[in-house]
C-alpha cells in the first residue's frame, strides 16, 4: 500500500483496518484472530504518521506468517495462515475497501488499473 495523501496517521490506518475486518467477518471469525489483530494494531500505533509515498508492504510467507514491512523496515511477522486470509478479505472479501480493485485482482474487468 502506497500512501497517497500528505500524511496518514496510525490512528486512521488502524481504524480503517479494523472497520474493514469487521465488515468482512462475523464476530466468531474475528475472535479467532483477535489477539494477533491487536498485535498488528499495536505495531501500527508505534508508526505514528506515514508521509506521502510511504509504503506498507504486506507479505505472506507460507509456514511463517504475515510479514509487515513499513518503508523498507520489517516491523512484525504474525503467524497463521488464517490471519493472512482474514487480512486478504479486506481487499477481496464480500465488502472490500474498493470493489474495482477486488475485481481487478481477481481478473475481472471494471476498468481499474493496478499499474
PDB file of N, CA and C in Angstrom:
ATOM      1  N   UNK A   1       0.845  -1.155   0.000  1.00  0.00           N
ATOM      2  CA  UNK A   1       0.000   0.000   0.000  1.00  0.00           C
ATOM      3  C   UNK A   1       0.901   1.230   0.000  1.00  0.00           C
ATOM      4  N   UNK A   2       0.655   2.114  -0.954  1.00  0.00           N
ATOM      5  CA  UNK A   2       1.373   3.382  -1.007  1.00  0.00           C
ATOM      6  C   UNK A   2       0.495   4.482  -0.426  1.00  0.00           C
ATOM      7  N   UNK A   3       1.076   5.319   0.402  1.00  0.00           N
ATOM      8  CA  UNK A   3       0.348   6.444   0.982  1.00  0.00           C
ATOM      9  C   UNK A   3       0.268   7.544  -0.069  1.00  0.00           C
ATOM     10  N   UNK A   4      -0.962   7.953  -0.406  1.00  0.00           N
ATOM     11  CA  UNK A   4      -1.160   8.953  -1.450  1.00  0.00           C
ATOM     12  C   UNK A   4      -1.546  10.318  -0.909  1.00  0.00           C
ATOM     13  N   UNK A   5      -1.937  10.382   0.346  1.00  0.00           N
ATOM     14  CA  UNK A   5      -2.262  11.687   0.921  1.00  0.00           C
ATOM     15  C   UNK A   5      -1.029  12.233   1.637  1.00  0.00           C
ATOM     16  N   UNK A   6      -1.079  13.486   2.040  1.00  0.00           N
ATOM     17  CA  UNK A   6       0.089  14.116   2.653  1.00  0.00           C
ATOM     18  C   UNK A   6       0.596  13.346   3.857  1.00  0.00           C
ATOM     19  N   UNK A   7      -0.344  12.870   4.684  1.00  0.00           N
ATOM     20  CA  UNK A   7       0.043  12.027   5.799  1.00  0.00           C
ATOM     21  C   UNK A   7      -1.117  11.140   6.209  1.00  0.00           C
ATOM     22  N   UNK A   8      -0.772   9.990   6.710  1.00  0.00           N
ATOM     23  CA  UNK A   8      -1.737   9.006   7.198  1.00  0.00           C
ATOM     24  C   UNK A   8      -1.318   8.661   8.614  1.00  0.00           C
ATOM     25  N   UNK A   9      -2.190   8.956   9.569  1.00  0.00           N
ATOM     26  CA  UNK A   9      -1.831   8.672  10.952  1.00  0.00           C
ATOM     27  C   UNK A   9      -2.066   7.195  11.264  1.00  0.00           C
ATOM     28  N   UNK A  10      -1.361   6.720  12.252  1.00  0.00           N
ATOM     29  CA  UNK A  10      -1.549   5.337  12.691  1.00  0.00           C
ATOM     30  C   UNK A  10      -2.991   5.133  13.128  1.00  0.00           C
ATOM     31  N   UNK A  11      -3.570   6.129  13.771  1.00  0.00           N
ATOM     32  CA  UNK A  11      -4.959   6.036  14.222  1.00  0.00           C
ATOM     33  C   UNK A  11      -5.897   5.823  13.037  1.00  0.00           C
ATOM     34  N   UNK A  12      -5.687   6.547  11.948  1.00  0.00           N
ATOM     35  CA  UNK A  12      -6.517   6.390  10.749  1.00  0.00           C
ATOM     36  C   UNK A  12      -6.320   5.008  10.128  1.00  0.00           C
ATOM     37  N   UNK A  13      -5.080   4.569  10.052  1.00  0.00           N
ATOM     38  CA  UNK A  13      -4.762   3.271   9.464  1.00  0.00           C
ATOM     39  C   UNK A  13      -5.390   2.137  10.282  1.00  0.00           C
ATOM     40  N   UNK A  14      -5.271   2.207  11.581  1.00  0.00           N
ATOM     41  CA  UNK A  14      -5.830   1.187  12.463  1.00  0.00           C
ATOM     42  C   UNK A  14      -7.358   1.162  12.357  1.00  0.00           C
ATOM     43  N   UNK A  15      -7.982   2.341  12.361  1.00  0.00           N
ATOM     44  CA  UNK A  15      -9.445   2.407  12.259  1.00  0.00           C
ATOM     45  C   UNK A  15      -9.920   1.815  10.936  1.00  0.00           C
ATOM     46  N   UNK A  16      -9.234   2.153   9.859  1.00  0.00           N
ATOM     47  CA  UNK A  16      -9.601   1.635   8.545  1.00  0.00           C
ATOM     48  C   UNK A  16      -9.459   0.115   8.493  1.00  0.00           C
ATOM     49  N   UNK A  17      -8.359  -0.379   9.016  1.00  0.00           N
ATOM     50  CA  UNK A  17      -8.112  -1.819   9.043  1.00  0.00           C
ATOM     51  C   UNK A  17      -9.189  -2.540   9.860  1.00  0.00           C
ATOM     52  N   UNK A  18      -9.470  -2.046  11.050  1.00  0.00           N
ATOM     53  CA  UNK A  18     -10.445  -2.689  11.924  1.00  0.00           C
ATOM     54  C   UNK A  18     -11.858  -2.624  11.349  1.00  0.00           C
ATOM     55  N   UNK A  19     -12.208  -1.504  10.718  1.00  0.00           N
ATOM     56  CA  UNK A  19     -13.517  -1.385  10.082  1.00  0.00           C
ATOM     57  C   UNK A  19     -13.659  -2.391   8.946  1.00  0.00           C
ATOM     58  N   UNK A  20     -12.612  -2.547   8.149  1.00  0.00           N
ATOM     59  CA  UNK A  20     -12.648  -3.485   7.019  1.00  0.00           C
ATOM     60  C   UNK A  20     -12.703  -4.932   7.506  1.00  0.00           C
ATOM     61  N   UNK A  21     -11.978  -5.229   8.571  1.00  0.00           N
ATOM     62  CA  UNK A  21     -12.048  -6.578   9.151  1.00  0.00           C
ATOM     63  C   UNK A  21     -13.470  -6.851   9.638  1.00  0.00           C
ATOM     64  N   UNK A  22     -14.065  -5.908  10.362  1.00  0.00           N
ATOM     65  CA  UNK A  22     -15.420  -6.079  10.898  1.00  0.00           C
ATOM     66  C   UNK A  22     -16.449  -6.236   9.787  1.00  0.00           C
ATOM     67  N   UNK A  23     -16.256  -5.525   8.679  1.00  0.00           N
ATOM     68  CA  UNK A  23     -17.213  -5.588   7.570  1.00  0.00           C
ATOM     69  C   UNK A  23     -17.170  -6.922   6.830  1.00  0.00           C
ATOM     70  N   UNK A  24     -16.058  -7.635   6.938  1.00  0.00           N
ATOM     71  CA  UNK A  24     -15.877  -8.852   6.145  1.00  0.00           C
ATOM     72  C   UNK A  24     -15.828 -10.135   6.961  1.00  0.00           C
ATOM     73  N   UNK A  25     -16.122 -10.041   8.263  1.00  0.00           N
ATOM     74  CA  UNK A  25     -16.065 -11.215   9.144  1.00  0.00           C
ATOM     75  C   UNK A  25     -17.214 -11.183  10.139  1.00  0.00           C
ATOM     76  N   UNK A  26     -17.633 -12.348  10.551  1.00  0.00           N
ATOM     77  CA  UNK A  26     -18.592 -12.426  11.646  1.00  0.00           C
ATOM     78  C   UNK A  26     -17.790 -12.416  12.957  1.00  0.00           C
ATOM     79  N   UNK A  27     -18.416 -12.058  14.061  1.00  0.00           N
ATOM     80  CA  UNK A  27     -17.683 -11.960  15.334  1.00  0.00           C
ATOM     81  C   UNK A  27     -16.882 -13.211  15.703  1.00  0.00           C
ATOM     82  N   UNK A  28     -17.415 -14.385  15.427  1.00  0.00           N
ATOM     83  CA  UNK A  28     -16.686 -15.620  15.770  1.00  0.00           C
ATOM     84  C   UNK A  28     -15.386 -15.730  14.980  1.00  0.00           C
ATOM     85  N   UNK A  29     -15.371 -15.253  13.738  1.00  0.00           N
ATOM     86  CA  UNK A  29     -14.145 -15.280  12.928  1.00  0.00           C
ATOM     87  C   UNK A  29     -13.131 -14.271  13.468  1.00  0.00           C
ATOM     88  N   UNK A  30     -13.610 -13.111  13.848  1.00  0.00           N
ATOM     89  CA  UNK A  30     -12.719 -12.084  14.407  1.00  0.00           C
ATOM     90  C   UNK A  30     -12.096 -12.589  15.703  1.00  0.00           C
ATOM     91  N   UNK A  31     -12.878 -13.287  16.514  1.00  0.00           N
ATOM     92  CA  UNK A  31     -12.378 -13.801  17.790  1.00  0.00           C
ATOM     93  C   UNK A  31     -11.166 -14.710  17.590  1.00  0.00           C
ATOM     94  N   UNK A  32     -11.138 -15.442  16.485  1.00  0.00           N
ATOM     95  CA  UNK A  32     -10.029 -16.372  16.222  1.00  0.00           C
ATOM     96  C   UNK A  32      -8.705 -15.656  15.933  1.00  0.00           C
ATOM     97  N   UNK A  33      -8.780 -14.412  15.449  1.00  0.00           N
ATOM     98  CA  UNK A  33      -7.556 -13.674  15.105  1.00  0.00           C
ATOM     99  C   UNK A  33      -7.379 -12.422  15.962  1.00  0.00           C
ATOM    100  N   UNK A  34      -8.237 -12.259  16.960  1.00  0.00           N
ATOM    101  CA  UNK A  34      -8.274 -11.020  17.738  1.00  0.00           C
ATOM    102  C   UNK A  34      -6.938 -10.650  18.389  1.00  0.00           C
ATOM    103  N   UNK A  35      -6.281 -11.591  19.041  1.00  0.00           N
ATOM    104  CA  UNK A  35      -5.007 -11.277  19.697  1.00  0.00           C
ATOM    105  C   UNK A  35      -3.965 -10.835  18.673  1.00  0.00           C
ATOM    106  N   UNK A  36      -3.910 -11.530  17.553  1.00  0.00           N
ATOM    107  CA  UNK A  36      -2.940 -11.172  16.514  1.00  0.00           C
ATOM    108  C   UNK A  36      -3.297  -9.845  15.861  1.00  0.00           C
ATOM    109  N   UNK A  37      -4.577  -9.554  15.757  1.00  0.00           N
ATOM    110  CA  UNK A  37      -5.004  -8.265  15.239  1.00  0.00           C
ATOM    111  C   UNK A  37      -4.586  -7.143  16.191  1.00  0.00           C
ATOM    112  N   UNK A  38      -4.700  -7.403  17.492  1.00  0.00           N
ATOM    113  CA  UNK A  38      -4.219  -6.413  18.484  1.00  0.00           C
ATOM    114  C   UNK A  38      -2.717  -6.204  18.348  1.00  0.00           C
ATOM    115  N   UNK A  39      -1.962  -7.284  18.094  1.00  0.00           N
ATOM    116  CA  UNK A  39      -0.512  -7.157  17.886  1.00  0.00           C
ATOM    117  C   UNK A  39      -0.221  -6.264  16.683  1.00  0.00           C
ATOM    118  N   UNK A  40      -0.985  -6.470  15.603  1.00  0.00           N
ATOM    119  CA  UNK A  40      -0.809  -5.635  14.415  1.00  0.00           C
ATOM    120  C   UNK A  40      -1.166  -4.187  14.719  1.00  0.00           C
ATOM    121  N   UNK A  41      -2.273  -3.974  15.414  1.00  0.00           N
ATOM    122  CA  UNK A  41      -2.675  -2.614  15.781  1.00  0.00           C
ATOM    123  C   UNK A  41      -1.616  -1.923  16.638  1.00  0.00           C
ATOM    124  N   UNK A  42      -1.050  -2.666  17.579  1.00  0.00           N
ATOM    125  CA  UNK A  42      -0.008  -2.114  18.455  1.00  0.00           C
ATOM    126  C   UNK A  42       1.221  -1.706  17.631  1.00  0.00           C
ATOM    127  N   UNK A  43       1.609  -2.563  16.697  1.00  0.00           N
ATOM    128  CA  UNK A  43       2.752  -2.236  15.845  1.00  0.00           C
ATOM    129  C   UNK A  43       2.452  -0.993  15.017  1.00  0.00           C
ATOM    130  N   UNK A  44       1.256  -0.941  14.428  1.00  0.00           N
ATOM    131  CA  UNK A  44       0.907   0.216  13.599  1.00  0.00           C
ATOM    132  C   UNK A  44       0.848   1.486  14.424  1.00  0.00           C
ATOM    133  N   UNK A  45       0.390   1.366  15.654  1.00  0.00           N
ATOM    134  CA  UNK A  45       0.341   2.521  16.545  1.00  0.00           C
ATOM    135  C   UNK A  45       1.728   3.109  16.767  1.00  0.00           C
ATOM    136  N   UNK A  46       2.735   2.240  16.794  1.00  0.00           N
ATOM    137  CA  UNK A  46       4.112   2.705  17.013  1.00  0.00           C
ATOM    138  C   UNK A  46       4.668   3.482  15.823  1.00  0.00           C
ATOM    139  N   UNK A  47       4.024   3.374  14.677  1.00  0.00           N
ATOM    140  CA  UNK A  47       4.492   4.069  13.475  1.00  0.00           C
ATOM    141  C   UNK A  47       4.278   5.571  13.590  1.00  0.00           C
ATOM    142  N   UNK A  48       3.178   5.957  14.223  1.00  0.00           N
ATOM    143  CA  UNK A  48       2.869   7.385  14.351  1.00  0.00           C
ATOM    144  C   UNK A  48       2.203   7.907  13.103  1.00  0.00           C
ATOM    145  N   UNK A  49       3.006   8.419  12.160  1.00  0.00           N
ATOM    146  CA  UNK A  49       2.487   9.025  10.941  1.00  0.00           C
ATOM    147  C   UNK A  49       3.280   8.511   9.745  1.00  0.00           C
ATOM    148  N   UNK A  50       2.559   8.150   8.702  1.00  0.00           N
ATOM    149  CA  UNK A  50       3.195   7.816   7.423  1.00  0.00           C
ATOM    150  C   UNK A  50       3.013   9.015   6.503  1.00  0.00           C
ATOM    151  N   UNK A  51       4.077   9.462   5.910  1.00  0.00           N
ATOM    152  CA  UNK A  51       4.036  10.603   4.988  1.00  0.00           C
ATOM    153  C   UNK A  51       3.705  10.137   3.577  1.00  0.00           C
ATOM    154  N   UNK A  52       3.361  11.092   2.710  1.00  0.00           N
ATOM    155  CA  UNK A  52       3.084  10.792   1.305  1.00  0.00           C
ATOM    156  C   UNK A  52       4.220   9.936   0.730  1.00  0.00           C
ATOM    157  N   UNK A  53       3.856   8.945  -0.066  1.00  0.00           N
ATOM    158  CA  UNK A  53       4.777   7.989  -0.695  1.00  0.00           C
ATOM    159  C   UNK A  53       5.351   6.968   0.277  1.00  0.00           C
ATOM    160  N   UNK A  54       4.879   6.962   1.527  1.00  0.00           N
ATOM    161  CA  UNK A  54       5.258   5.896   2.438  1.00  0.00           C
ATOM    162  C   UNK A  54       4.672   4.582   1.921  1.00  0.00           C
ATOM    163  N   UNK A  55       5.272   3.477   2.334  1.00  0.00           N
ATOM    164  CA  UNK A  55       4.831   2.174   1.848  1.00  0.00           C
ATOM    165  C   UNK A  55       4.640   1.210   3.008  1.00  0.00           C
ATOM    166  N   UNK A  56       3.473   0.553   3.016  1.00  0.00           N
ATOM    167  CA  UNK A  56       3.214  -0.554   3.933  1.00  0.00           C
ATOM    168  C   UNK A  56       3.098  -1.790   3.055  1.00  0.00           C
ATOM    169  N   UNK A  57       4.021  -2.715   3.232  1.00  0.00           N
ATOM    170  CA  UNK A  57       4.090  -3.928   2.423  1.00  0.00           C
ATOM    171  C   UNK A  57       3.633  -5.099   3.279  1.00  0.00           C
ATOM    172  N   UNK A  58       2.625  -5.813   2.798  1.00  0.00           N
ATOM    173  CA  UNK A  58       2.093  -6.978   3.497  1.00  0.00           C
ATOM    174  C   UNK A  58       2.427  -8.192   2.656  1.00  0.00           C
ATOM    175  N   UNK A  59       3.168  -9.117   3.248  1.00  0.00           N
ATOM    176  CA  UNK A  59       3.674 -10.274   2.521  1.00  0.00           C
ATOM    177  C   UNK A  59       3.351 -11.541   3.290  1.00  0.00           C
ATOM    178  N   UNK A  60       2.867 -12.559   2.593  1.00  0.00           N
ATOM    179  CA  UNK A  60       2.587 -13.837   3.251  1.00  0.00           C
ATOM    180  C   UNK A  60       3.727 -14.796   2.972  1.00  0.00           C
ATOM    181  N   UNK A  61       4.275 -15.366   4.032  1.00  0.00           N
ATOM    182  CA  UNK A  61       5.349 -16.352   3.931  1.00  0.00           C
ATOM    183  C   UNK A  61       4.800 -17.691   4.412  1.00  0.00           C
ATOM    184  N   UNK A  62       4.508 -18.627   3.489  1.00  0.00           N
ATOM    185  CA  UNK A  62       3.939 -19.916   3.897  1.00  0.00           C
ATOM    186  C   UNK A  62       4.766 -20.575   4.999  1.00  0.00           C
ATOM    187  N   UNK A  63       4.070 -21.062   6.009  1.00  0.00           N
ATOM    188  CA  UNK A  63       4.731 -21.725   7.123  1.00  0.00           C
ATOM    189  C   UNK A  63       5.339 -20.765   8.130  1.00  0.00           C
ATOM    190  N   UNK A  64       5.339 -19.468   7.820  1.00  0.00           N
ATOM    191  CA  UNK A  64       5.910 -18.459   8.719  1.00  0.00           C
ATOM    192  C   UNK A  64       4.822 -17.510   9.200  1.00  0.00           C
ATOM    193  N   UNK A  65       4.174 -16.825   8.273  1.00  0.00           N
ATOM    194  CA  UNK A  65       3.112 -15.903   8.647  1.00  0.00           C
ATOM    195  C   UNK A  65       3.050 -14.690   7.766  1.00  0.00           C
ATOM    196  N   UNK A  66       2.385 -13.670   8.261  1.00  0.00           N
ATOM    197  CA  UNK A  66       2.182 -12.417   7.548  1.00  0.00           C
ATOM    198  C   UNK A  66       3.233 -11.420   8.008  1.00  0.00           C
ATOM    199  N   UNK A  67       4.063 -11.003   7.077  1.00  0.00           N
ATOM    200  CA  UNK A  67       5.151 -10.064   7.391  1.00  0.00           C
ATOM    201  C   UNK A  67       4.718  -8.666   6.967  1.00  0.00           C
ATOM    202  N   UNK A  68       4.909  -7.711   7.866  1.00  0.00           N
ATOM    203  CA  UNK A  68       4.586  -6.318   7.585  1.00  0.00           C
ATOM    204  C   UNK A  68       5.888  -5.524   7.554  1.00  0.00           C
ATOM    205  N   UNK A  69       6.106  -4.846   6.435  1.00  0.00           N
ATOM    206  CA  UNK A  69       7.292  -4.014   6.252  1.00  0.00           C
ATOM    207  C   UNK A  69       6.805  -2.584   6.018  1.00  0.00           C
ATOM    208  N   UNK A  70       7.334  -1.641   6.768  1.00  0.00           N
ATOM    209  CA  UNK A  70       6.939  -0.243   6.643  1.00  0.00           C
ATOM    210  C   UNK A  70       8.157   0.558   6.210  1.00  0.00           C
ATOM    211  N   UNK A  71       8.034   1.181   5.048  1.00  0.00           N
ATOM    212  CA  UNK A  71       9.128   1.985   4.488  1.00  0.00           C
ATOM    213  C   UNK A  71      10.451   1.215   4.495  1.00  0.00           C
ATOM    214  N   UNK A  72      10.386  -0.043   4.082  1.00  0.00           N
ATOM    215  CA  UNK A  72      11.585  -0.867   3.949  1.00  0.00           C
ATOM    216  C   UNK A  72      12.074  -1.534   5.219  1.00  0.00           C
ATOM    217  N   UNK A  73      11.428  -1.271   6.341  1.00  0.00           N
ATOM    218  CA  UNK A  73      11.851  -1.853   7.618  1.00  0.00           C
ATOM    219  C   UNK A  73      10.849  -2.896   8.087  1.00  0.00           C
ATOM    220  N   UNK A  74      11.322  -4.128   8.283  1.00  0.00           N
ATOM    221  CA  UNK A  74      10.437  -5.179   8.769  1.00  0.00           C
ATOM    222  C   UNK A  74      10.007  -4.844  10.186  1.00  0.00           C
ATOM    223  N   UNK A  75       8.685  -4.825  10.389  1.00  0.00           N
ATOM    224  CA  UNK A  75       8.145  -4.425  11.686  1.00  0.00           C
ATOM    225  C   UNK A  75       7.633  -5.591  12.513  1.00  0.00           C
ATOM    226  N   UNK A  76       6.944  -6.546  11.858  1.00  0.00           N
ATOM    227  CA  UNK A  76       6.335  -7.644  12.596  1.00  0.00           C
ATOM    228  C   UNK A  76       6.017  -8.779  11.629  1.00  0.00           C
ATOM    229  N   UNK A  77       6.071  -9.994  12.140  1.00  0.00           N
ATOM    230  CA  UNK A  77       5.576 -11.161  11.413  1.00  0.00           C
ATOM    231  C   UNK A  77       4.565 -11.835  12.320  1.00  0.00           C
ATOM    232  N   UNK A  78       3.357 -11.982  11.795  1.00  0.00           N
ATOM    233  CA  UNK A  78       2.256 -12.531  12.574  1.00  0.00           C
ATOM    234  C   UNK A  78       1.954 -13.931  12.055  1.00  0.00           C
ATOM    235  N   UNK A  79       2.019 -14.934  12.927  1.00  0.00           N
ATOM    236  CA  UNK A  79       1.842 -16.321  12.479  1.00  0.00           C
ATOM    237  C   UNK A  79       0.406 -16.644  12.086  1.00  0.00           C
ATOM    238  N   UNK A  80       0.282 -17.678  11.248  1.00  0.00           N
ATOM    239  CA  UNK A  80      -1.020 -18.250  10.932  1.00  0.00           C
ATOM    240  C   UNK A  80      -1.541 -17.918   9.551  1.00  0.00           C
ATOM    241  N   UNK A  81      -1.850 -18.962   8.809  1.00  0.00           N
ATOM    242  CA  UNK A  81      -2.486 -18.790   7.507  1.00  0.00           C
ATOM    243  C   UNK A  81      -3.835 -18.096   7.666  1.00  0.00           C
ATOM    244  N   UNK A  82      -4.553 -18.410   8.750  1.00  0.00           N
ATOM    245  CA  UNK A  82      -5.874 -17.825   8.972  1.00  0.00           C
ATOM    246  C   UNK A  82      -5.804 -16.312   9.132  1.00  0.00           C
ATOM    247  N   UNK A  83      -4.724 -15.824   9.720  1.00  0.00           N
ATOM    248  CA  UNK A  83      -4.583 -14.373   9.880  1.00  0.00           C
ATOM    249  C   UNK A  83      -4.418 -13.708   8.519  1.00  0.00           C
ATOM    250  N   UNK A  84      -3.595 -14.286   7.653  1.00  0.00           N
ATOM    251  CA  UNK A  84      -3.410 -13.707   6.320  1.00  0.00           C
ATOM    252  C   UNK A  84      -4.728 -13.731   5.545  1.00  0.00           C
ATOM    253  N   UNK A  85      -5.464 -14.836   5.630  1.00  0.00           N
ATOM    254  CA  UNK A  85      -6.752 -14.909   4.931  1.00  0.00           C
ATOM    255  C   UNK A  85      -7.705 -13.833   5.460  1.00  0.00           C
ATOM    256  N   UNK A  86      -7.665 -13.586   6.755  1.00  0.00           N
ATOM    257  CA  UNK A  86      -8.514 -12.541   7.327  1.00  0.00           C
ATOM    258  C   UNK A  86      -8.144 -11.170   6.760  1.00  0.00           C
ATOM    259  N   UNK A  87      -6.859 -10.887   6.657  1.00  0.00           N
ATOM    260  CA  UNK A  87      -6.429  -9.616   6.072  1.00  0.00           C
ATOM    261  C   UNK A  87      -6.800  -9.526   4.600  1.00  0.00           C
ATOM    262  N   UNK A  88      -6.635 -10.615   3.889  1.00  0.00           N
ATOM    263  CA  UNK A  88      -6.924 -10.634   2.461  1.00  0.00           C
ATOM    264  C   UNK A  88      -8.380 -10.274   2.177  1.00  0.00           C
ATOM    265  N   UNK A  89      -9.273 -10.643   3.068  1.00  0.00           N
ATOM    266  CA  UNK A  89     -10.690 -10.319   2.886  1.00  0.00           C
ATOM    267  C   UNK A  89     -10.937  -8.815   2.848  1.00  0.00           C
ATOM    268  N   UNK A  90     -10.019  -8.025   3.389  1.00  0.00           N
ATOM    269  CA  UNK A  90     -10.161  -6.570   3.327  1.00  0.00           C
ATOM    270  C   UNK A  90     -10.257  -6.122   1.874  1.00  0.00           C
ATOM    271  N   UNK A  91      -9.488  -6.784   1.006  1.00  0.00           N
ATOM    272  CA  UNK A  91      -9.432  -6.389  -0.395  1.00  0.00           C
ATOM    273  C   UNK A  91     -10.268  -7.275  -1.307  1.00  0.00           C
ATOM    274  N   UNK A  92     -10.455  -8.546  -0.948  1.00  0.00           N
ATOM    275  CA  UNK A  92     -11.204  -9.422  -1.855  1.00  0.00           C
ATOM    276  C   UNK A  92     -12.406 -10.091  -1.184  1.00  0.00           C
ATOM    277  N   UNK A  93     -12.809  -9.605  -0.029  1.00  0.00           N
ATOM    278  CA  UNK A  93     -13.980 -10.150   0.654  1.00  0.00           C
ATOM    279  C   UNK A  93     -15.275  -9.648   0.047  1.00  0.00           C
ATOM    280  N   UNK A  94     -16.385  -9.961   0.680  1.00  0.00           N
ATOM    281  CA  UNK A  94     -17.699  -9.557   0.178  1.00  0.00           C
ATOM    282  C   UNK A  94     -17.907  -8.047   0.237  1.00  0.00           C
ATOM    283  N   UNK A  95     -17.216  -7.379   1.176  1.00  0.00           N
ATOM    284  CA  UNK A  95     -17.322  -5.925   1.317  1.00  0.00           C
ATOM    285  C   UNK A  95     -15.917  -5.324   1.283  1.00  0.00           C
ATOM    286  N   UNK A  96     -15.268  -5.381   0.131  1.00  0.00           N
ATOM    287  CA  UNK A  96     -13.887  -4.883   0.042  1.00  0.00           C
ATOM    288  C   UNK A  96     -13.823  -3.368   0.174  1.00  0.00           C
ATOM    289  N   UNK A  97     -12.653  -2.871   0.526  1.00  0.00           N
ATOM    290  CA  UNK A  97     -12.483  -1.424   0.625  1.00  0.00           C
ATOM    291  C   UNK A  97     -12.637  -0.754  -0.738  1.00  0.00           C
ATOM    292  N   UNK A  98     -12.395  -1.481  -1.806  1.00  0.00           N
ATOM    293  CA  UNK A  98     -12.575  -0.956  -3.168  1.00  0.00           C
ATOM    294  C   UNK A  98     -12.980  -2.110  -4.079  1.00  0.00           C
ATOM    295  N   UNK A  99     -14.238  -2.151  -4.455  1.00  0.00           N
ATOM    296  CA  UNK A  99     -14.755  -3.230  -5.283  1.00  0.00           C
ATOM    297  C   UNK A  99     -14.072  -3.327  -6.635  1.00  0.00           C
ATOM    298  N   UNK A 100     -13.690  -2.186  -7.215  1.00  0.00           N
ATOM    299  CA  UNK A 100     -12.994  -2.215  -8.513  1.00  0.00           C
ATOM    300  C   UNK A 100     -11.627  -2.864  -8.377  1.00  0.00           C
ATOM    301  N   UNK A 101     -10.943  -2.580  -7.277  1.00  0.00           N
ATOM    302  CA  UNK A 101      -9.643  -3.196  -7.037  1.00  0.00           C
ATOM    303  C   UNK A 101      -9.808  -4.701  -6.864  1.00  0.00           C
ATOM    304  N   UNK A 102     -10.814  -5.112  -6.092  1.00  0.00           N
ATOM    305  CA  UNK A 102     -11.070  -6.533  -5.909  1.00  0.00           C
ATOM    306  C   UNK A 102     -11.295  -7.223  -7.251  1.00  0.00           C
ATOM    307  N   UNK A 103     -12.142  -6.629  -8.078  1.00  0.00           N
ATOM    308  CA  UNK A 103     -12.436  -7.224  -9.383  1.00  0.00           C
ATOM    309  C   UNK A 103     -11.174  -7.334 -10.238  1.00  0.00           C
ATOM    310  N   UNK A 104     -10.338  -6.302 -10.193  1.00  0.00           N
ATOM    311  CA  UNK A 104      -9.094  -6.333 -10.972  1.00  0.00           C
ATOM    312  C   UNK A 104      -8.140  -7.396 -10.442  1.00  0.00           C
ATOM    313  N   UNK A 105      -8.065  -7.522  -9.114  1.00  0.00           N
ATOM    314  CA  UNK A 105      -7.175  -8.517  -8.512  1.00  0.00           C
ATOM    315  C   UNK A 105      -7.628  -9.932  -8.842  1.00  0.00           C
ATOM    316  N   UNK A 106      -8.950 -10.102  -8.994  1.00  0.00           N
ATOM    317  CA  UNK A 106      -9.497 -11.422  -9.272  1.00  0.00           C
ATOM    318  C   UNK A 106      -9.688 -11.676 -10.765  1.00  0.00           C
ATOM    319  N   UNK A 107      -9.176 -10.756 -11.595  1.00  0.00           N
ATOM    320  CA  UNK A 107      -9.191 -10.971 -13.039  1.00  0.00           C
ATOM    321  C   UNK A 107     -10.431 -10.469 -13.740  1.00  0.00           C
ATOM    322  N   UNK A 108     -11.268  -9.706 -13.055  1.00  0.00           N
ATOM    323  CA  UNK A 108     -12.464  -9.164 -13.679  1.00  0.00           C
ATOM    324  C   UNK A 108     -12.164  -7.878 -14.408  1.00  0.00           C
ATOM    325  N   UNK A 109     -13.132  -7.396 -15.120  1.00  0.00           N
ATOM    326  CA  UNK A 109     -12.997  -6.122 -15.855  1.00  0.00           C
ATOM    327  C   UNK A 109     -13.091  -4.963 -14.900  1.00  0.00           C
ATOM    328  N   UNK A 110     -13.999  -4.085 -15.193  1.00  0.00           N
ATOM    329  CA  UNK A 110     -14.270  -2.993 -14.286  1.00  0.00           C
ATOM    330  C   UNK A 110     -13.450  -1.733 -14.521  1.00  0.00           C
ATOM    331  N   UNK A 111     -12.469  -1.780 -15.396  1.00  0.00           N
ATOM    332  CA  UNK A 111     -11.745  -0.585 -15.744  1.00  0.00           C
ATOM    333  C   UNK A 111     -10.731  -0.094 -14.726  1.00  0.00           C
ATOM    334  N   UNK A 112     -10.468  -0.827 -13.694  1.00  0.00           N
ATOM    335  CA  UNK A 112      -9.498  -0.401 -12.687  1.00  0.00           C
ATOM    336  C   UNK A 112      -8.134  -0.930 -13.086  1.00  0.00           C
ATOM    337  N   UNK A 113      -7.145  -0.059 -13.110  1.00  0.00           N
ATOM    338  CA  UNK A 113      -5.799  -0.475 -13.480  1.00  0.00           C
ATOM    339  C   UNK A 113      -4.937  -0.580 -12.231  1.00  0.00           C
ATOM    340  N   UNK A 114      -4.276  -1.718 -12.081  1.00  0.00           N
ATOM    341  CA  UNK A 114      -3.396  -1.893 -10.935  1.00  0.00           C
ATOM    342  C   UNK A 114      -2.104  -1.125 -11.079  1.00  0.00           C
ATOM    343  N   UNK A 115      -1.639  -0.897 -12.293  1.00  0.00           N
ATOM    344  CA  UNK A 115      -0.349  -0.225 -12.508  1.00  0.00           C
ATOM    345  C   UNK A 115      -0.514   0.978 -13.386  1.00  0.00           C
TER     346      UNK A 115
END
